[in-house]
Amino acid sequence: MPQNEAALERKLLIVDDSKVSRMIIRGFFAKMCPAWVVQEAGSGDAALALLAEFQPDFVTMDVNMPGISGFDAAEQIMARDSKVRLVMLSANIQESSVRMAASLRLNFVAKPATEASLQQALNHLLASA
């Protein structure tokens, strides 16, 4: 992992309807990237509402949430800001979800949110940095 990128002050938006998942993801990034500012959203709609104000560099996005899907939210986020680096982080590992992520040119990391899966998500985010 490029340690210099992890040490820079960046903004991460965690989008997941599970508070437990958000806490685990936040804890991992706080440990690995302590200079990063982290904001959370419990739905795709909430993420879109935060977007203009927070202006994240990175986004982790769940797929299945109340309101709009994670894929719809991701598509809208990328349309608003093409520089945002986004990774889908979801337990929904059906082939259709993997194909949808690929069609949007997004990396897809399967949950549960373990240290290994979150490291994989971080590597995807930093690889495009």
C-alpha atoms as a PDB file:
ATOM      1  CA  MET A   1       0.000   0.000   0.000  1.00  0.00           C
ATOM      2  CA  PRO A   2       1.358   3.460  -0.814  1.00  0.00           C
ATOM      3  CA  GLN A   3       1.896   4.675   2.745  1.00  0.00           C
ATOM      4  CA  ASN A   4       2.327   8.288   1.648  1.00  0.00           C
ATOM      5  CA  GLU A   5      -1.215   8.355   0.205  1.00  0.00           C
ATOM      6  CA  ALA A   6      -2.648   6.814   3.381  1.00  0.00           C
ATOM      7  CA  ALA A   7      -0.855   9.467   5.440  1.00  0.00           C
ATOM      8  CA  LEU A   8      -2.296  12.394   3.482  1.00  0.00           C
ATOM      9  CA  GLU A   9      -5.451  14.083   4.662  1.00  0.00           C
ATOM     10  CA  ARG A  10      -8.233  12.666   2.508  1.00  0.00           C
ATOM     11  CA  LYS A  11     -11.987  12.371   2.872  1.00  0.00           C
ATOM     12  CA  LEU A  12     -13.785   9.025   2.984  1.00  0.00           C
ATOM     13  CA  LEU A  13     -17.549   8.552   2.800  1.00  0.00           C
ATOM     14  CA  ILE A  14     -18.799   5.210   4.137  1.00  0.00           C
ATOM     15  CA  VAL A  15     -22.239   4.337   2.755  1.00  0.00           C
ATOM     16  CA  ASP A  16     -23.923   1.343   4.379  1.00  0.00           C
ATOM     17  CA  ASP A  17     -27.306   0.830   6.025  1.00  0.00           C
ATOM     18  CA  SER A  18     -25.719  -1.378   8.716  1.00  0.00           C
ATOM     19  CA  LYS A  19     -24.446   0.692  11.628  1.00  0.00           C
ATOM     20  CA  VAL A  20     -22.235  -2.240  12.683  1.00  0.00           C
ATOM     21  CA  SER A  21     -20.652  -2.399   9.222  1.00  0.00           C
ATOM     22  CA  ARG A  22     -20.071   1.364   9.248  1.00  0.00           C
ATOM     23  CA  MET A  23     -18.397   1.101  12.669  1.00  0.00           C
ATOM     24  CA  ILE A  24     -16.107  -1.730  11.501  1.00  0.00           C
ATOM     25  CA  ILE A  25     -15.187   0.096   8.288  1.00  0.00           C
ATOM     26  CA  ARG A  26     -14.583   3.355  10.187  1.00  0.00           C
ATOM     27  CA  GLY A  27     -12.365   1.573  12.719  1.00  0.00           C
ATOM     28  CA  PHE A  28     -10.244  -0.019  10.012  1.00  0.00           C
ATOM     29  CA  PHE A  29      -9.699   3.248   8.138  1.00  0.00           C
ATOM     30  CA  ALA A  30      -9.021   5.152  11.379  1.00  0.00           C
ATOM     31  CA  LYS A  31      -6.227   2.658  12.108  1.00  0.00           C
ATOM     32  CA  MET A  32      -4.797   2.463   8.591  1.00  0.00           C
ATOM     33  CA  CYS A  33      -5.314   6.085   7.491  1.00  0.00           C
ATOM     34  CA  PRO A  34      -5.456   8.208  10.658  1.00  0.00           C
ATOM     35  CA  ALA A  35      -5.221  11.520   8.778  1.00  0.00           C
ATOM     36  CA  TRP A  36      -8.384  10.797   6.783  1.00  0.00           C
ATOM     37  CA  VAL A  37     -11.647  12.549   7.651  1.00  0.00           C
ATOM     38  CA  VAL A  38     -14.503  10.043   7.663  1.00  0.00           C
ATOM     39  CA  GLN A  39     -18.223  10.700   7.207  1.00  0.00           C
ATOM     40  CA  GLU A  40     -20.988   8.098   7.209  1.00  0.00           C
ATOM     41  CA  ALA A  41     -24.301   7.758   5.405  1.00  0.00           C
ATOM     42  CA  GLY A  42     -26.916   5.086   6.081  1.00  0.00           C
ATOM     43  CA  SER A  43     -28.378   5.135   2.561  1.00  0.00           C
ATOM     44  CA  GLY A  44     -27.615   6.115  -1.006  1.00  0.00           C
ATOM     45  CA  ASP A  45     -30.000   9.058  -0.678  1.00  0.00           C
ATOM     46  CA  ALA A  46     -28.149  10.292   2.431  1.00  0.00           C
ATOM     47  CA  ALA A  47     -24.832   9.918   0.606  1.00  0.00           C
ATOM     48  CA  LEU A  48     -26.049  12.060  -2.276  1.00  0.00           C
ATOM     49  CA  ALA A  49     -27.269  14.700   0.171  1.00  0.00           C
ATOM     50  CA  LEU A  50     -23.794  14.825   1.789  1.00  0.00           C
ATOM     51  CA  LEU A  51     -21.856  14.857  -1.461  1.00  0.00           C
ATOM     52  CA  ALA A  52     -21.702  18.578  -2.234  1.00  0.00           C
ATOM     53  CA  GLU A  53     -20.916  19.582   1.341  1.00  0.00           C
ATOM     54  CA  PHE A  54     -18.421  16.834   2.222  1.00  0.00           C
ATOM     55  CA  GLN A  55     -16.749  16.345  -1.199  1.00  0.00           C
ATOM     56  CA  PRO A  56     -15.148  12.944  -0.510  1.00  0.00           C
ATOM     57  CA  ASP A  57     -12.030  11.672  -2.235  1.00  0.00           C
ATOM     58  CA  PHE A  58     -13.058   8.060  -1.603  1.00  0.00           C
ATOM     59  CA  VAL A  59     -16.363   6.217  -1.103  1.00  0.00           C
ATOM     60  CA  THR A  60     -17.157   2.714   0.124  1.00  0.00           C
ATOM     61  CA  MET A  61     -20.657   1.760  -1.006  1.00  0.00           C
ATOM     62  CA  ASP A  62     -22.977  -1.067   0.020  1.00  0.00           C
ATOM     63  CA  VAL A  63     -25.320  -2.437  -2.653  1.00  0.00           C
ATOM     64  CA  ASN A  64     -28.612  -3.177  -0.876  1.00  0.00           C
ATOM     65  CA  MET A  65     -29.928  -0.256   1.150  1.00  0.00           C
ATOM     66  CA  PRO A  66     -33.247   1.511   1.721  1.00  0.00           C
ATOM     67  CA  GLY A  67     -34.144   3.973  -1.038  1.00  0.00           C
ATOM     68  CA  ILE A  68     -31.926   3.969  -4.092  1.00  0.00           C
ATOM     69  CA  SER A  69     -29.502   1.087  -4.576  1.00  0.00           C
ATOM     70  CA  GLY A  70     -25.803   1.448  -4.009  1.00  0.00           C
ATOM     71  CA  PHE A  71     -25.254   1.076  -7.747  1.00  0.00           C
ATOM     72  CA  ASP A  72     -27.637   3.946  -8.506  1.00  0.00           C
ATOM     73  CA  ALA A  73     -26.005   6.104  -5.845  1.00  0.00           C
ATOM     74  CA  ALA A  74     -22.520   5.230  -7.156  1.00  0.00           C
ATOM     75  CA  GLU A  75     -23.526   6.133 -10.696  1.00  0.00           C
ATOM     76  CA  GLN A  76     -24.891   9.509  -9.554  1.00  0.00           C
ATOM     77  CA  ILE A  77     -21.812  10.225  -7.421  1.00  0.00           C
ATOM     78  CA  MET A  78     -19.485   9.492 -10.341  1.00  0.00           C
ATOM     79  CA  ALA A  79     -21.603  11.667 -12.634  1.00  0.00           C
ATOM     80  CA  ARG A  80     -21.316  14.578 -10.203  1.00  0.00           C
ATOM     81  CA  ASP A  81     -17.607  14.168  -9.494  1.00  0.00           C
ATOM     82  CA  SER A  82     -15.512  12.019 -11.820  1.00  0.00           C
ATOM     83  CA  LYS A  83     -12.488  12.258  -9.491  1.00  0.00           C
ATOM     84  CA  VAL A  84     -14.153  10.360  -6.640  1.00  0.00           C
ATOM     85  CA  ARG A  85     -12.691   6.885  -6.219  1.00  0.00           C
ATOM     86  CA  LEU A  86     -15.350   4.390  -5.244  1.00  0.00           C
ATOM     87  CA  VAL A  87     -15.420   0.723  -4.237  1.00  0.00           C
ATOM     88  CA  MET A  88     -18.493  -1.452  -3.810  1.00  0.00           C
ATOM     89  CA  LEU A  89     -18.310  -3.323  -0.505  1.00  0.00           C
ATOM     90  CA  SER A  90     -21.225  -5.697  -0.161  1.00  0.00           C
ATOM     91  CA  ALA A  91     -22.407  -9.103   0.998  1.00  0.00           C
ATOM     92  CA  ASN A  92     -24.508  -9.215  -2.188  1.00  0.00           C
ATOM     93  CA  ILE A  93     -22.042 -11.241  -4.238  1.00  0.00           C
ATOM     94  CA  GLN A  94     -24.505 -12.502  -6.809  1.00  0.00           C
ATOM     95  CA  GLU A  95     -23.136 -12.653 -10.327  1.00  0.00           C
ATOM     96  CA  SER A  96     -25.522  -9.874 -11.393  1.00  0.00           C
ATOM     97  CA  SER A  97     -24.017  -7.528  -8.778  1.00  0.00           C
ATOM     98  CA  VAL A  98     -20.475  -8.363  -9.820  1.00  0.00           C
ATOM     99  CA  ARG A  99     -21.410  -7.735 -13.477  1.00  0.00           C
ATOM    100  CA  MET A 100     -23.107  -4.444 -12.584  1.00  0.00           C
ATOM    101  CA  ALA A 101     -20.005  -3.270 -10.705  1.00  0.00           C
ATOM    102  CA  ALA A 102     -17.843  -4.214 -13.685  1.00  0.00           C
ATOM    103  CA  SER A 103     -20.141  -2.381 -16.104  1.00  0.00           C
ATOM    104  CA  LEU A 104     -19.724   0.774 -14.000  1.00  0.00           C
ATOM    105  CA  ARG A 105     -15.958   0.176 -13.832  1.00  0.00           C
ATOM    106  CA  LEU A 106     -16.108  -0.234 -10.066  1.00  0.00           C
ATOM    107  CA  ASN A 107     -14.149  -2.623  -7.931  1.00  0.00           C
ATOM    108  CA  PHE A 108     -16.303  -5.045  -5.977  1.00  0.00           C
ATOM    109  CA  VAL A 109     -15.188  -6.393  -2.599  1.00  0.00           C
ATOM    110  CA  ALA A 110     -17.231  -9.059  -0.831  1.00  0.00           C
ATOM    111  CA  LYS A 111     -18.256  -8.641   2.792  1.00  0.00           C
ATOM    112  CA  PRO A 112     -18.170  -9.478   5.641  1.00  0.00           C
ATOM    113  CA  ALA A 113     -16.112  -6.435   6.544  1.00  0.00           C
ATOM    114  CA  THR A 114     -12.985  -8.202   7.740  1.00  0.00           C
ATOM    115  CA  GLU A 115      -9.484  -6.814   7.924  1.00  0.00           C
ATOM    116  CA  ALA A 116      -8.647  -8.700   4.711  1.00  0.00           C
ATOM    117  CA  SER A 117     -11.665  -7.439   2.752  1.00  0.00           C
ATOM    118  CA  LEU A 118     -11.176  -3.876   3.978  1.00  0.00           C
ATOM    119  CA  GLN A 119      -7.484  -4.015   3.069  1.00  0.00           C
ATOM    120  CA  GLN A 120      -8.554  -5.120  -0.398  1.00  0.00           C
ATOM    121  CA  ALA A 121     -10.973  -2.148  -0.582  1.00  0.00           C
ATOM    122  CA  LEU A 122      -8.246   0.250   0.587  1.00  0.00           C
ATOM    123  CA  ASN A 123      -5.819  -1.156  -1.994  1.00  0.00           C
ATOM    124  CA  HIS A 124      -8.404  -0.572  -4.755  1.00  0.00           C
ATOM    125  CA  LEU A 125      -8.986   3.005  -3.596  1.00  0.00           C
ATOM    126  CA  LEU A 126      -5.285   3.831  -3.374  1.00  0.00           C
ATOM    127  CA  ALA A 127      -4.404   2.092  -6.647  1.00  0.00           C
ATOM    128  CA  SER A 128      -6.389   4.684  -8.523  1.00  0.00           C
ATOM    129  CA  ALA A 129      -5.120   7.593  -6.418  1.00  0.00           C
END
